Amino acid sequence: MTETRQKAKCITLKGSAELVKEYLLYGVNSILYQRGIYPPETFEPAEHFGLFVLMSTDEKIKGYLDTVLSQIQEWLIQRKVQKITLVITNVNTKEVLEKWDFKVDYEGQSSNSANDNTKNSLPEVGTKDVKSIQKEIREVIRQITGTVSFLPLLDCLCSFDILTYTVPDCGIPNQWDETQPVFIANSQEVQLRSFSTSIHKMDTIVSYKNV
């Protein structure tokens, strides 16, 4: 009975994918606000993971993020996504000024299924509880907020896009387009804290143009 109760407190595969999706949602919104991609009056505070995060109120942005992140959540369960990249581009010159890489590692898979891309490769239940995972995520979001202190000022009109790097046999939705990886010439790179759900491990790295 004790073992059953203990297991019930641990994160599930679907719960892990949901937490990663939430981290990406709050992280992306925080970046869009901190980097001034949209006017500050188009954001409003909301409490998540014990933190107040500024979230976009723009319906187009909310709809776009919901569509993209819901698909990513599904791929996380199937172990098909490797990296998600938020790209910030100069609207006039199309130059990539900054990119945020969210790299995914899959934990707890058995050695004989390392090359198996089915959802059975991942454990259905992890070894960590939700509260401890949320604490780790909270620390990463705090770091994202703090990056404004060292990232260069974006003094031009910018736009953003989200790229998803998947395994080759991943079924791409009809409304999605295949694209090439993006690079920043003469860039600086800073790695933020990692967090782990015991099923998914997420590394966050920001790269920016060295001016």
N, C-alpha and C. Protein backbone atom coordinates (compact mmCIF):
# COMPACT_ATOMS: atom_id res chain seq x y z
N MET A 1 0.83 -1.21 0.00
CA MET A 1 0.00 0.00 0.00
C MET A 1 0.86 1.25 0.00
N THR A 2 1.92 1.23 0.82
CA THR A 2 2.81 2.39 0.88
C THR A 2 3.46 2.66 -0.46
N GLU A 3 3.89 1.58 -1.12
CA GLU A 3 4.54 1.72 -2.43
C GLU A 3 3.56 2.29 -3.45
N THR A 4 2.30 1.84 -3.40
CA THR A 4 1.28 2.32 -4.33
C THR A 4 1.01 3.80 -4.11
N ARG A 5 0.92 4.21 -2.85
CA ARG A 5 0.68 5.62 -2.56
C ARG A 5 1.84 6.48 -3.02
N GLN A 6 3.06 6.00 -2.79
CA GLN A 6 4.25 6.75 -3.19
C GLN A 6 4.28 6.92 -4.71
N LYS A 7 3.94 5.85 -5.43
CA LYS A 7 3.96 5.90 -6.89
C LYS A 7 2.92 6.88 -7.42
N ALA A 8 1.79 6.96 -6.72
CA ALA A 8 0.71 7.84 -7.16
C ALA A 8 1.12 9.31 -7.11
N LYS A 9 2.08 9.65 -6.26
CA LYS A 9 2.52 11.03 -6.13
C LYS A 9 3.49 11.43 -7.23
N CYS A 10 4.07 10.46 -7.91
CA CYS A 10 5.09 10.74 -8.91
C CYS A 10 4.45 11.16 -10.24
N ILE A 11 5.24 11.88 -11.02
CA ILE A 11 4.77 12.40 -12.30
C ILE A 11 4.51 11.25 -13.28
N THR A 12 3.47 11.39 -14.10
CA THR A 12 3.20 10.42 -15.16
C THR A 12 3.78 10.94 -16.47
N LEU A 13 3.83 10.08 -17.47
CA LEU A 13 4.34 10.48 -18.79
C LEU A 13 3.53 11.64 -19.35
N LYS A 14 2.21 11.53 -19.31
CA LYS A 14 1.36 12.61 -19.82
C LYS A 14 1.51 13.87 -18.97
N GLY A 15 1.62 13.68 -17.66
CA GLY A 15 1.81 14.83 -16.78
C GLY A 15 3.13 15.52 -17.02
N SER A 16 4.17 14.75 -17.33
CA SER A 16 5.48 15.31 -17.64
C SER A 16 5.42 16.15 -18.91
N ALA A 17 4.78 15.62 -19.95
CA ALA A 17 4.64 16.36 -21.21
C ALA A 17 3.85 17.65 -20.99
N GLU A 18 2.83 17.58 -20.13
CA GLU A 18 2.02 18.76 -19.82
C GLU A 18 2.86 19.83 -19.11
N LEU A 19 3.71 19.41 -18.16
CA LEU A 19 4.56 20.36 -17.45
C LEU A 19 5.57 21.02 -18.39
N VAL A 20 6.15 20.24 -19.30
CA VAL A 20 7.10 20.80 -20.26
C VAL A 20 6.38 21.80 -21.17
N LYS A 21 5.18 21.46 -21.59
CA LYS A 21 4.39 22.39 -22.41
C LYS A 21 4.13 23.69 -21.65
N GLU A 22 3.77 23.59 -20.37
CA GLU A 22 3.51 24.78 -19.57
C GLU A 22 4.78 25.61 -19.41
N TYR A 23 5.91 24.94 -19.19
CA TYR A 23 7.18 25.67 -19.08
C TYR A 23 7.45 26.45 -20.37
N LEU A 24 7.25 25.81 -21.51
CA LEU A 24 7.49 26.49 -22.79
C LEU A 24 6.54 27.67 -22.96
N LEU A 25 5.28 27.49 -22.58
CA LEU A 25 4.30 28.58 -22.71
C LEU A 25 4.70 29.78 -21.86
N TYR A 26 5.02 29.54 -20.59
CA TYR A 26 5.36 30.64 -19.69
C TYR A 26 6.73 31.21 -20.03
N GLY A 27 7.66 30.34 -20.44
CA GLY A 27 8.98 30.80 -20.82
C GLY A 27 8.94 31.69 -22.05
N VAL A 28 8.21 31.26 -23.08
CA VAL A 28 8.10 32.04 -24.31
C VAL A 28 7.44 33.38 -24.04
N ASN A 29 6.35 33.39 -23.28
CA ASN A 29 5.69 34.65 -22.95
C ASN A 29 6.62 35.59 -22.19
N SER A 30 7.38 35.03 -21.26
CA SER A 30 8.32 35.85 -20.49
C SER A 30 9.38 36.46 -21.40
N ILE A 31 9.88 35.67 -22.36
CA ILE A 31 10.88 36.17 -23.30
C ILE A 31 10.29 37.27 -24.18
N LEU A 32 9.09 37.06 -24.70
CA LEU A 32 8.45 38.06 -25.56
C LEU A 32 8.28 39.38 -24.82
N TYR A 33 7.96 39.29 -23.53
CA TYR A 33 7.80 40.51 -22.73
C TYR A 33 9.15 41.14 -22.41
N GLN A 34 10.06 40.33 -21.86
CA GLN A 34 11.36 40.86 -21.42
C GLN A 34 12.15 41.46 -22.58
N ARG A 35 12.03 40.89 -23.77
CA ARG A 35 12.81 41.35 -24.91
C ARG A 35 12.08 42.43 -25.71
N GLY A 36 10.90 42.83 -25.26
CA GLY A 36 10.19 43.94 -25.88
C GLY A 36 9.70 43.65 -27.29
N ILE A 37 9.38 42.38 -27.58
CA ILE A 37 8.91 42.03 -28.92
C ILE A 37 7.53 42.65 -29.18
N TYR A 38 6.74 42.76 -28.13
CA TYR A 38 5.42 43.38 -28.23
C TYR A 38 5.27 44.42 -27.12
N PRO A 39 4.38 45.39 -27.28
CA PRO A 39 4.22 46.44 -26.26
C PRO A 39 3.86 45.86 -24.90
N PRO A 40 4.40 46.43 -23.82
CA PRO A 40 4.13 45.90 -22.48
C PRO A 40 2.65 45.92 -22.10
N GLU A 41 1.89 46.85 -22.69
CA GLU A 41 0.47 46.92 -22.33
C GLU A 41 -0.34 45.75 -22.91
N THR A 42 0.29 44.94 -23.78
CA THR A 42 -0.42 43.77 -24.33
C THR A 42 -0.16 42.51 -23.50
N PHE A 43 0.43 42.70 -22.31
CA PHE A 43 0.67 41.58 -21.40
C PHE A 43 -0.03 41.84 -20.07
N GLU A 44 -0.40 40.77 -19.41
CA GLU A 44 -0.97 40.91 -18.07
C GLU A 44 -0.40 39.81 -17.17
N PRO A 45 -0.24 40.11 -15.88
CA PRO A 45 0.37 39.12 -14.97
C PRO A 45 -0.58 37.98 -14.64
N ALA A 46 -0.01 36.79 -14.54
CA ALA A 46 -0.76 35.61 -14.12
C ALA A 46 0.18 34.76 -13.28
N GLU A 47 -0.36 34.10 -12.28
CA GLU A 47 0.48 33.30 -11.38
C GLU A 47 0.60 31.87 -11.89
N HIS A 48 1.84 31.42 -12.06
CA HIS A 48 2.12 30.06 -12.48
C HIS A 48 3.35 29.56 -11.74
N PHE A 49 3.30 28.34 -11.26
CA PHE A 49 4.43 27.73 -10.54
C PHE A 49 4.86 28.58 -9.34
N GLY A 50 3.93 29.34 -8.76
CA GLY A 50 4.28 30.19 -7.63
C GLY A 50 4.97 31.48 -8.02
N LEU A 51 4.97 31.81 -9.32
CA LEU A 51 5.56 33.05 -9.82
C LEU A 51 4.52 33.83 -10.59
N PHE A 52 4.68 35.15 -10.64
CA PHE A 52 3.85 35.96 -11.52
C PHE A 52 4.57 36.10 -12.86
N VAL A 53 3.94 35.58 -13.91
CA VAL A 53 4.51 35.61 -15.25
C VAL A 53 3.63 36.51 -16.11
N LEU A 54 4.27 37.37 -16.92
CA LEU A 54 3.51 38.25 -17.80
C LEU A 54 3.14 37.50 -19.07
N MET A 55 1.84 37.40 -19.32
CA MET A 55 1.31 36.61 -20.43
C MET A 55 0.67 37.52 -21.47
N SER A 56 0.88 37.21 -22.73
CA SER A 56 0.30 38.00 -23.81
C SER A 56 -1.22 37.90 -23.79
N THR A 57 -1.88 39.02 -24.06
CA THR A 57 -3.34 39.03 -24.18
C THR A 57 -3.78 39.05 -25.64
N ASP A 58 -2.82 39.06 -26.56
CA ASP A 58 -3.11 39.08 -27.99
C ASP A 58 -3.67 37.72 -28.42
N GLU A 59 -4.87 37.71 -28.96
CA GLU A 59 -5.53 36.45 -29.30
C GLU A 59 -4.79 35.67 -30.38
N LYS A 60 -4.16 36.37 -31.33
CA LYS A 60 -3.42 35.68 -32.39
C LYS A 60 -2.20 34.96 -31.81
N ILE A 61 -1.49 35.63 -30.91
CA ILE A 61 -0.32 35.01 -30.28
C ILE A 61 -0.75 33.83 -29.41
N LYS A 62 -1.81 34.01 -28.64
CA LYS A 62 -2.30 32.94 -27.78
C LYS A 62 -2.73 31.73 -28.61
N GLY A 63 -3.41 31.97 -29.72
CA GLY A 63 -3.85 30.88 -30.59
C GLY A 63 -2.68 30.16 -31.23
N TYR A 64 -1.68 30.94 -31.68
CA TYR A 64 -0.49 30.35 -32.30
C TYR A 64 0.25 29.46 -31.32
N LEU A 65 0.48 29.98 -30.11
CA LEU A 65 1.22 29.21 -29.11
C LEU A 65 0.45 27.96 -28.69
N ASP A 66 -0.86 28.07 -28.58
CA ASP A 66 -1.66 26.91 -28.20
C ASP A 66 -1.56 25.81 -29.25
N THR A 67 -1.63 26.19 -30.53
CA THR A 67 -1.53 25.21 -31.62
C THR A 67 -0.18 24.53 -31.64
N VAL A 68 0.88 25.34 -31.58
CA VAL A 68 2.24 24.80 -31.67
C VAL A 68 2.57 23.94 -30.45
N LEU A 69 2.28 24.44 -29.26
CA LEU A 69 2.68 23.73 -28.05
C LEU A 69 1.83 22.48 -27.80
N SER A 70 0.59 22.48 -28.26
CA SER A 70 -0.23 21.27 -28.13
C SER A 70 0.34 20.14 -28.98
N GLN A 71 0.83 20.49 -30.18
CA GLN A 71 1.46 19.48 -31.03
C GLN A 71 2.77 18.99 -30.41
N ILE A 72 3.54 19.92 -29.86
CA ILE A 72 4.80 19.55 -29.20
C ILE A 72 4.53 18.63 -28.01
N GLN A 73 3.48 18.91 -27.27
CA GLN A 73 3.12 18.06 -26.13
C GLN A 73 2.86 16.62 -26.60
N GLU A 74 2.15 16.48 -27.70
CA GLU A 74 1.86 15.14 -28.24
C GLU A 74 3.16 14.44 -28.65
N TRP A 75 4.06 15.18 -29.29
CA TRP A 75 5.34 14.60 -29.72
C TRP A 75 6.23 14.25 -28.53
N LEU A 76 6.13 15.00 -27.45
CA LEU A 76 6.91 14.68 -26.25
C LEU A 76 6.51 13.32 -25.69
N ILE A 77 5.23 13.02 -25.73
CA ILE A 77 4.75 11.72 -25.25
C ILE A 77 5.27 10.61 -26.16
N GLN A 78 5.36 10.89 -27.45
CA GLN A 78 5.80 9.90 -28.43
C GLN A 78 7.32 9.86 -28.61
N ARG A 79 8.04 10.73 -27.90
CA ARG A 79 9.50 10.83 -27.98
C ARG A 79 9.96 11.19 -29.39
N LYS A 80 9.29 12.16 -29.99
CA LYS A 80 9.61 12.53 -31.37
C LYS A 80 10.20 13.92 -31.52
N VAL A 81 10.21 14.71 -30.45
CA VAL A 81 10.77 16.06 -30.56
C VAL A 81 12.12 16.09 -29.85
N GLN A 82 13.09 16.75 -30.50
CA GLN A 82 14.45 16.83 -29.97
C GLN A 82 14.79 18.22 -29.43
N LYS A 83 14.24 19.24 -30.08
CA LYS A 83 14.56 20.61 -29.67
C LYS A 83 13.48 21.55 -30.17
N ILE A 84 13.21 22.57 -29.37
CA ILE A 84 12.30 23.65 -29.76
C ILE A 84 13.11 24.94 -29.73
N THR A 85 13.02 25.74 -30.78
CA THR A 85 13.80 26.98 -30.86
C THR A 85 12.88 28.17 -31.07
N LEU A 86 13.01 29.15 -30.19
CA LEU A 86 12.33 30.44 -30.36
C LEU A 86 13.30 31.38 -31.06
N VAL A 87 12.93 31.85 -32.24
CA VAL A 87 13.80 32.68 -33.06
C VAL A 87 13.28 34.12 -33.07
N ILE A 88 14.16 35.07 -32.78
CA ILE A 88 13.81 36.49 -32.83
C ILE A 88 14.55 37.13 -34.00
N THR A 89 13.78 37.74 -34.91
CA THR A 89 14.31 38.23 -36.17
C THR A 89 14.02 39.71 -36.37
N ASN A 90 14.97 40.43 -36.96
CA ASN A 90 14.76 41.82 -37.36
C ASN A 90 13.76 41.82 -38.52
N VAL A 91 12.63 42.49 -38.34
CA VAL A 91 11.57 42.47 -39.34
C VAL A 91 12.04 43.04 -40.68
N ASN A 92 12.84 44.10 -40.64
CA ASN A 92 13.25 44.78 -41.88
C ASN A 92 14.36 44.05 -42.63
N THR A 93 15.36 43.55 -41.91
CA THR A 93 16.51 42.92 -42.57
C THR A 93 16.41 41.40 -42.61
N LYS A 94 15.47 40.82 -41.85
CA LYS A 94 15.30 39.36 -41.73
C LYS A 94 16.48 38.69 -41.03
N GLU A 95 17.35 39.48 -40.42
CA GLU A 95 18.50 38.92 -39.71
C GLU A 95 18.05 38.31 -38.38
N VAL A 96 18.57 37.12 -38.08
CA VAL A 96 18.28 36.49 -36.79
C VAL A 96 19.17 37.13 -35.73
N LEU A 97 18.55 37.74 -34.73
CA LEU A 97 19.29 38.47 -33.70
C LEU A 97 19.48 37.64 -32.43
N GLU A 98 18.56 36.71 -32.21
CA GLU A 98 18.59 35.97 -30.95
C GLU A 98 17.80 34.67 -31.12
N LYS A 99 18.26 33.63 -30.45
CA LYS A 99 17.47 32.39 -30.46
C LYS A 99 17.58 31.70 -29.11
N TRP A 100 16.49 31.10 -28.73
CA TRP A 100 16.40 30.37 -27.48
C TRP A 100 16.16 28.90 -27.81
N ASP A 101 17.13 28.06 -27.46
CA ASP A 101 17.01 26.63 -27.70
C ASP A 101 16.54 25.91 -26.44
N PHE A 102 15.49 25.14 -26.59
CA PHE A 102 14.97 24.30 -25.51
C PHE A 102 15.22 22.85 -25.92
N LYS A 103 16.29 22.27 -25.41
CA LYS A 103 16.70 20.93 -25.83
C LYS A 103 16.08 19.87 -24.92
N VAL A 104 15.58 18.82 -25.55
CA VAL A 104 14.87 17.76 -24.82
C VAL A 104 15.71 16.49 -24.80
N ASP A 105 15.88 15.92 -23.62
CA ASP A 105 16.43 14.58 -23.46
C ASP A 105 15.37 13.71 -22.81
N TYR A 106 15.39 12.43 -23.15
CA TYR A 106 14.39 11.50 -22.61
C TYR A 106 15.07 10.59 -21.61
N GLU A 107 14.56 10.60 -20.39
CA GLU A 107 15.17 9.86 -19.29
C GLU A 107 14.38 8.61 -18.96
N GLY A 108 15.07 7.65 -18.36
CA GLY A 108 14.39 6.47 -17.85
C GLY A 108 14.05 5.43 -18.88
N GLN A 109 14.53 5.61 -20.13
CA GLN A 109 14.24 4.61 -21.15
C GLN A 109 15.21 3.44 -21.02
N SER A 110 14.76 2.25 -21.36
CA SER A 110 15.61 1.07 -21.24
C SER A 110 16.62 1.05 -22.37
N SER A 111 17.77 0.41 -22.14
CA SER A 111 18.86 0.42 -23.11
C SER A 111 18.48 -0.25 -24.42
N ASN A 112 17.61 -1.26 -24.36
CA ASN A 112 17.25 -1.96 -25.59
C ASN A 112 16.21 -1.21 -26.41
N SER A 113 15.75 -0.05 -25.88
CA SER A 113 14.78 0.74 -26.63
C SER A 113 15.32 2.11 -26.97
N ALA A 114 16.64 2.27 -26.88
CA ALA A 114 17.25 3.58 -27.11
C ALA A 114 17.00 4.10 -28.51
N ASN A 115 16.87 3.17 -29.48
CA ASN A 115 16.64 3.59 -30.85
C ASN A 115 15.19 3.41 -31.28
N ASP A 116 14.35 3.16 -30.32
CA ASP A 116 12.93 2.95 -30.60
C ASP A 116 12.18 4.24 -30.34
N ASN A 117 11.52 4.78 -31.35
CA ASN A 117 10.86 6.07 -31.20
C ASN A 117 9.39 5.95 -30.83
N THR A 118 8.99 4.84 -30.29
CA THR A 118 7.61 4.70 -29.85
C THR A 118 7.47 5.19 -28.43
N LYS A 119 6.23 5.48 -28.07
CA LYS A 119 6.00 6.01 -26.73
C LYS A 119 6.30 4.97 -25.65
N ASN A 120 6.36 3.67 -26.05
CA ASN A 120 6.67 2.63 -25.08
C ASN A 120 8.11 2.71 -24.58
N SER A 121 8.93 3.52 -25.24
CA SER A 121 10.32 3.67 -24.81
C SER A 121 10.43 4.44 -23.51
N LEU A 122 9.41 5.20 -23.16
CA LEU A 122 9.45 6.01 -21.96
C LEU A 122 8.62 5.37 -20.85
N PRO A 123 9.06 5.53 -19.61
CA PRO A 123 8.27 4.99 -18.50
C PRO A 123 6.95 5.73 -18.37
N GLU A 124 5.92 5.02 -17.94
CA GLU A 124 4.61 5.65 -17.76
C GLU A 124 4.58 6.51 -16.50
N VAL A 125 5.44 6.18 -15.54
CA VAL A 125 5.51 6.94 -14.29
C VAL A 125 6.97 7.24 -13.97
N GLY A 126 7.26 8.50 -13.62
CA GLY A 126 8.62 8.89 -13.28
C GLY A 126 8.91 8.68 -11.81
N THR A 127 9.99 9.30 -11.35
CA THR A 127 10.43 9.11 -9.96
C THR A 127 10.35 10.40 -9.14
N LYS A 128 9.90 11.50 -9.76
CA LYS A 128 9.84 12.78 -9.06
C LYS A 128 8.40 13.24 -8.91
N ASP A 129 8.14 13.99 -7.85
CA ASP A 129 6.79 14.51 -7.65
C ASP A 129 6.65 15.87 -8.31
N VAL A 130 5.41 16.27 -8.55
CA VAL A 130 5.12 17.49 -9.32
C VAL A 130 5.68 18.74 -8.63
N LYS A 131 5.57 18.81 -7.31
CA LYS A 131 6.02 20.02 -6.60
C LYS A 131 7.52 20.27 -6.78
N SER A 132 8.32 19.21 -6.70
CA SER A 132 9.76 19.39 -6.85
C SER A 132 10.11 19.80 -8.28
N ILE A 133 9.37 19.28 -9.26
CA ILE A 133 9.60 19.66 -10.66
C ILE A 133 9.22 21.13 -10.87
N GLN A 134 8.09 21.54 -10.31
CA GLN A 134 7.65 22.93 -10.44
C GLN A 134 8.67 23.88 -9.81
N LYS A 135 9.30 23.47 -8.73
CA LYS A 135 10.33 24.29 -8.11
C LYS A 135 11.50 24.49 -9.05
N GLU A 136 11.92 23.42 -9.73
CA GLU A 136 13.02 23.52 -10.69
C GLU A 136 12.64 24.45 -11.85
N ILE A 137 11.42 24.30 -12.35
CA ILE A 137 10.95 25.14 -13.46
C ILE A 137 10.91 26.61 -13.03
N ARG A 138 10.48 26.84 -11.81
CA ARG A 138 10.41 28.21 -11.27
C ARG A 138 11.78 28.88 -11.32
N GLU A 139 12.83 28.13 -10.99
CA GLU A 139 14.18 28.70 -10.99
C GLU A 139 14.63 29.05 -12.41
N VAL A 140 14.25 28.24 -13.39
CA VAL A 140 14.63 28.53 -14.78
C VAL A 140 13.90 29.78 -15.27
N ILE A 141 12.62 29.91 -14.95
CA ILE A 141 11.85 31.08 -15.38
C ILE A 141 12.42 32.34 -14.73
N ARG A 142 12.86 32.23 -13.48
CA ARG A 142 13.52 33.38 -12.84
C ARG A 142 14.78 33.77 -13.61
N GLN A 143 15.52 32.77 -14.07
CA GLN A 143 16.73 33.06 -14.85
C GLN A 143 16.38 33.74 -16.17
N ILE A 144 15.32 33.27 -16.83
CA ILE A 144 14.89 33.90 -18.08
C ILE A 144 14.58 35.37 -17.85
N THR A 145 13.88 35.66 -16.76
CA THR A 145 13.56 37.05 -16.42
C THR A 145 14.83 37.86 -16.19
N GLY A 146 15.84 37.23 -15.60
CA GLY A 146 17.08 37.94 -15.29
C GLY A 146 17.99 38.18 -16.48
N THR A 147 17.73 37.51 -17.62
CA THR A 147 18.63 37.65 -18.77
C THR A 147 18.61 39.05 -19.36
N VAL A 148 17.56 39.82 -19.07
CA VAL A 148 17.47 41.18 -19.61
C VAL A 148 18.65 42.03 -19.13
N SER A 149 19.30 41.60 -18.05
CA SER A 149 20.43 42.37 -17.51
C SER A 149 21.69 42.26 -18.36
N PHE A 150 21.81 41.21 -19.18
CA PHE A 150 23.02 41.08 -19.99
C PHE A 150 22.78 40.95 -21.49
N LEU A 151 21.55 40.66 -21.90
CA LEU A 151 21.29 40.55 -23.34
C LEU A 151 21.28 41.94 -23.98
N PRO A 152 21.80 42.06 -25.21
CA PRO A 152 21.83 43.37 -25.87
C PRO A 152 20.42 43.89 -26.16
N LEU A 153 20.29 45.19 -26.16
CA LEU A 153 19.00 45.83 -26.44
C LEU A 153 18.58 45.54 -27.87
N LEU A 154 17.33 45.15 -28.04
CA LEU A 154 16.77 44.95 -29.38
C LEU A 154 16.10 46.27 -29.78
N ASP A 155 16.84 47.12 -30.49
CA ASP A 155 16.36 48.47 -30.78
C ASP A 155 15.76 48.58 -32.18
N CYS A 156 15.17 47.49 -32.66
CA CYS A 156 14.52 47.49 -33.96
C CYS A 156 13.22 46.70 -33.86
N LEU A 157 12.39 46.82 -34.88
CA LEU A 157 11.14 46.06 -34.91
C LEU A 157 11.46 44.59 -35.13
N CYS A 158 10.99 43.74 -34.22
CA CYS A 158 11.32 42.31 -34.29
C CYS A 158 10.06 41.45 -34.35
N SER A 159 10.24 40.26 -34.88
CA SER A 159 9.18 39.25 -34.88
C SER A 159 9.75 37.96 -34.31
N PHE A 160 8.88 37.01 -34.03
CA PHE A 160 9.37 35.74 -33.50
C PHE A 160 8.74 34.57 -34.25
N ASP A 161 9.41 33.45 -34.19
CA ASP A 161 8.89 32.21 -34.76
C ASP A 161 9.35 31.07 -33.86
N ILE A 162 8.67 29.95 -33.94
CA ILE A 162 9.06 28.77 -33.17
C ILE A 162 9.34 27.63 -34.14
N LEU A 163 10.55 27.08 -34.05
CA LEU A 163 10.95 25.93 -34.86
C LEU A 163 10.97 24.69 -33.97
N THR A 164 10.54 23.58 -34.52
CA THR A 164 10.52 22.32 -33.78
C THR A 164 11.36 21.29 -34.53
N TYR A 165 12.37 20.77 -33.85
CA TYR A 165 13.25 19.75 -34.44
C TYR A 165 12.75 18.38 -34.00
N THR A 166 12.42 17.54 -34.98
CA THR A 166 11.82 16.24 -34.67
C THR A 166 12.63 15.11 -35.30
N VAL A 167 12.28 13.89 -34.96
CA VAL A 167 12.88 12.72 -35.61
C VAL A 167 12.38 12.66 -37.05
N PRO A 168 13.14 11.99 -37.95
CA PRO A 168 12.80 12.00 -39.39
C PRO A 168 11.42 11.45 -39.72
N ASP A 169 10.96 10.44 -38.99
CA ASP A 169 9.70 9.79 -39.36
C ASP A 169 8.48 10.44 -38.71
N CYS A 170 8.66 11.66 -38.24
CA CYS A 170 7.57 12.34 -37.56
C CYS A 170 6.54 12.84 -38.57
N GLY A 171 5.28 12.58 -38.32
CA GLY A 171 4.23 13.06 -39.22
C GLY A 171 4.00 14.55 -39.02
N ILE A 172 4.29 15.35 -40.05
CA ILE A 172 4.16 16.80 -39.95
C ILE A 172 2.73 17.22 -40.28
N PRO A 173 2.07 17.99 -39.42
CA PRO A 173 0.71 18.46 -39.72
C PRO A 173 0.67 19.27 -41.02
N ASN A 174 -0.46 19.26 -41.69
CA ASN A 174 -0.60 19.92 -42.99
C ASN A 174 -0.27 21.41 -42.95
N GLN A 175 -0.63 22.07 -41.85
CA GLN A 175 -0.44 23.52 -41.78
C GLN A 175 0.98 23.91 -41.38
N TRP A 176 1.85 22.92 -41.17
CA TRP A 176 3.24 23.19 -40.79
C TRP A 176 4.13 23.11 -42.02
N ASP A 177 5.22 23.88 -42.02
CA ASP A 177 6.19 23.86 -43.11
C ASP A 177 7.53 23.36 -42.60
N GLU A 178 8.24 22.62 -43.46
CA GLU A 178 9.60 22.23 -43.12
C GLU A 178 10.53 23.41 -43.38
N THR A 179 11.54 23.56 -42.55
CA THR A 179 12.45 24.70 -42.68
C THR A 179 13.86 24.28 -42.30
N GLN A 180 14.81 25.17 -42.52
CA GLN A 180 16.21 24.89 -42.21
C GLN A 180 16.56 25.43 -40.83
N PRO A 181 17.58 24.85 -40.19
CA PRO A 181 18.04 25.39 -38.90
C PRO A 181 18.52 26.83 -39.05
N VAL A 182 18.45 27.60 -37.99
CA VAL A 182 18.91 28.99 -38.03
C VAL A 182 20.21 29.12 -37.24
N PHE A 183 21.05 30.04 -37.71
CA PHE A 183 22.33 30.29 -37.05
C PHE A 183 22.53 31.79 -36.91
N ILE A 184 23.30 32.16 -35.89
CA ILE A 184 23.63 33.57 -35.67
C ILE A 184 25.13 33.72 -35.83
N ALA A 185 25.53 34.55 -36.78
CA ALA A 185 26.96 34.78 -37.00
C ALA A 185 27.54 35.56 -35.83
N ASN A 186 28.75 35.19 -35.41
CA ASN A 186 29.45 35.91 -34.34
C ASN A 186 28.58 35.99 -33.08
N SER A 187 28.14 34.84 -32.61
CA SER A 187 27.18 34.82 -31.50
C SER A 187 27.83 34.48 -30.17
N GLN A 188 27.17 34.91 -29.12
CA GLN A 188 27.49 34.54 -27.75
C GLN A 188 26.41 33.57 -27.28
N GLU A 189 26.77 32.67 -26.38
CA GLU A 189 25.82 31.66 -25.92
C GLU A 189 25.86 31.56 -24.40
N VAL A 190 24.69 31.50 -23.79
CA VAL A 190 24.60 31.35 -22.34
C VAL A 190 23.63 30.22 -22.03
N GLN A 191 24.10 29.26 -21.23
CA GLN A 191 23.23 28.16 -20.83
C GLN A 191 22.60 28.47 -19.48
N LEU A 192 21.29 28.31 -19.43
CA LEU A 192 20.56 28.52 -18.19
C LEU A 192 20.46 27.20 -17.43
N ARG A 193 19.80 27.23 -16.30
CA ARG A 193 19.59 26.01 -15.52
C ARG A 193 18.82 24.97 -16.32
N SER A 194 19.03 23.72 -15.97
CA SER A 194 18.23 22.64 -16.54
C SER A 194 17.15 22.25 -15.53
N PHE A 195 16.13 21.57 -16.03
CA PHE A 195 15.20 20.93 -15.10
C PHE A 195 14.84 19.56 -15.65
N SER A 196 14.44 18.68 -14.75
CA SER A 196 14.11 17.31 -15.14
C SER A 196 12.82 16.88 -14.45
N THR A 197 11.97 16.21 -15.22
CA THR A 197 10.76 15.62 -14.64
C THR A 197 11.00 14.17 -14.24
N SER A 198 12.18 13.65 -14.54
CA SER A 198 12.59 12.25 -14.43
C SER A 198 12.12 11.44 -15.64
N ILE A 199 11.37 12.09 -16.54
CA ILE A 199 10.98 11.49 -17.82
C ILE A 199 11.51 12.34 -18.97
N HIS A 200 11.35 13.65 -18.85
CA HIS A 200 11.90 14.60 -19.81
C HIS A 200 12.90 15.52 -19.10
N LYS A 201 14.03 15.75 -19.75
CA LYS A 201 15.02 16.71 -19.23
C LYS A 201 15.11 17.87 -20.22
N MET A 202 15.07 19.09 -19.71
CA MET A 202 15.04 20.26 -20.57
C MET A 202 16.23 21.17 -20.27
N ASP A 203 17.03 21.44 -21.31
CA ASP A 203 18.12 22.42 -21.23
C ASP A 203 17.71 23.66 -22.00
N THR A 204 17.96 24.83 -21.42
CA THR A 204 17.61 26.10 -22.06
C THR A 204 18.88 26.89 -22.34
N ILE A 205 19.07 27.28 -23.60
CA ILE A 205 20.27 28.00 -24.01
C ILE A 205 19.86 29.21 -24.85
N VAL A 206 20.37 30.38 -24.52
CA VAL A 206 20.10 31.57 -25.32
C VAL A 206 21.37 31.95 -26.09
N SER A 207 21.21 32.20 -27.39
CA SER A 207 22.31 32.66 -28.24
C SER A 207 21.93 34.03 -28.79
N TYR A 208 22.88 34.94 -28.82
CA TYR A 208 22.57 36.29 -29.28
C TYR A 208 23.75 36.87 -30.05
N LYS A 209 23.45 37.84 -30.88
CA LYS A 209 24.47 38.46 -31.73
C LYS A 209 25.43 39.26 -30.86
N ASN A 210 26.71 39.00 -31.03
CA ASN A 210 27.74 39.69 -30.26
C ASN A 210 28.04 41.04 -30.92
N VAL A 211 27.55 42.11 -30.31
CA VAL A 211 27.71 43.44 -30.93
C VAL A 211 28.77 44.25 -30.19
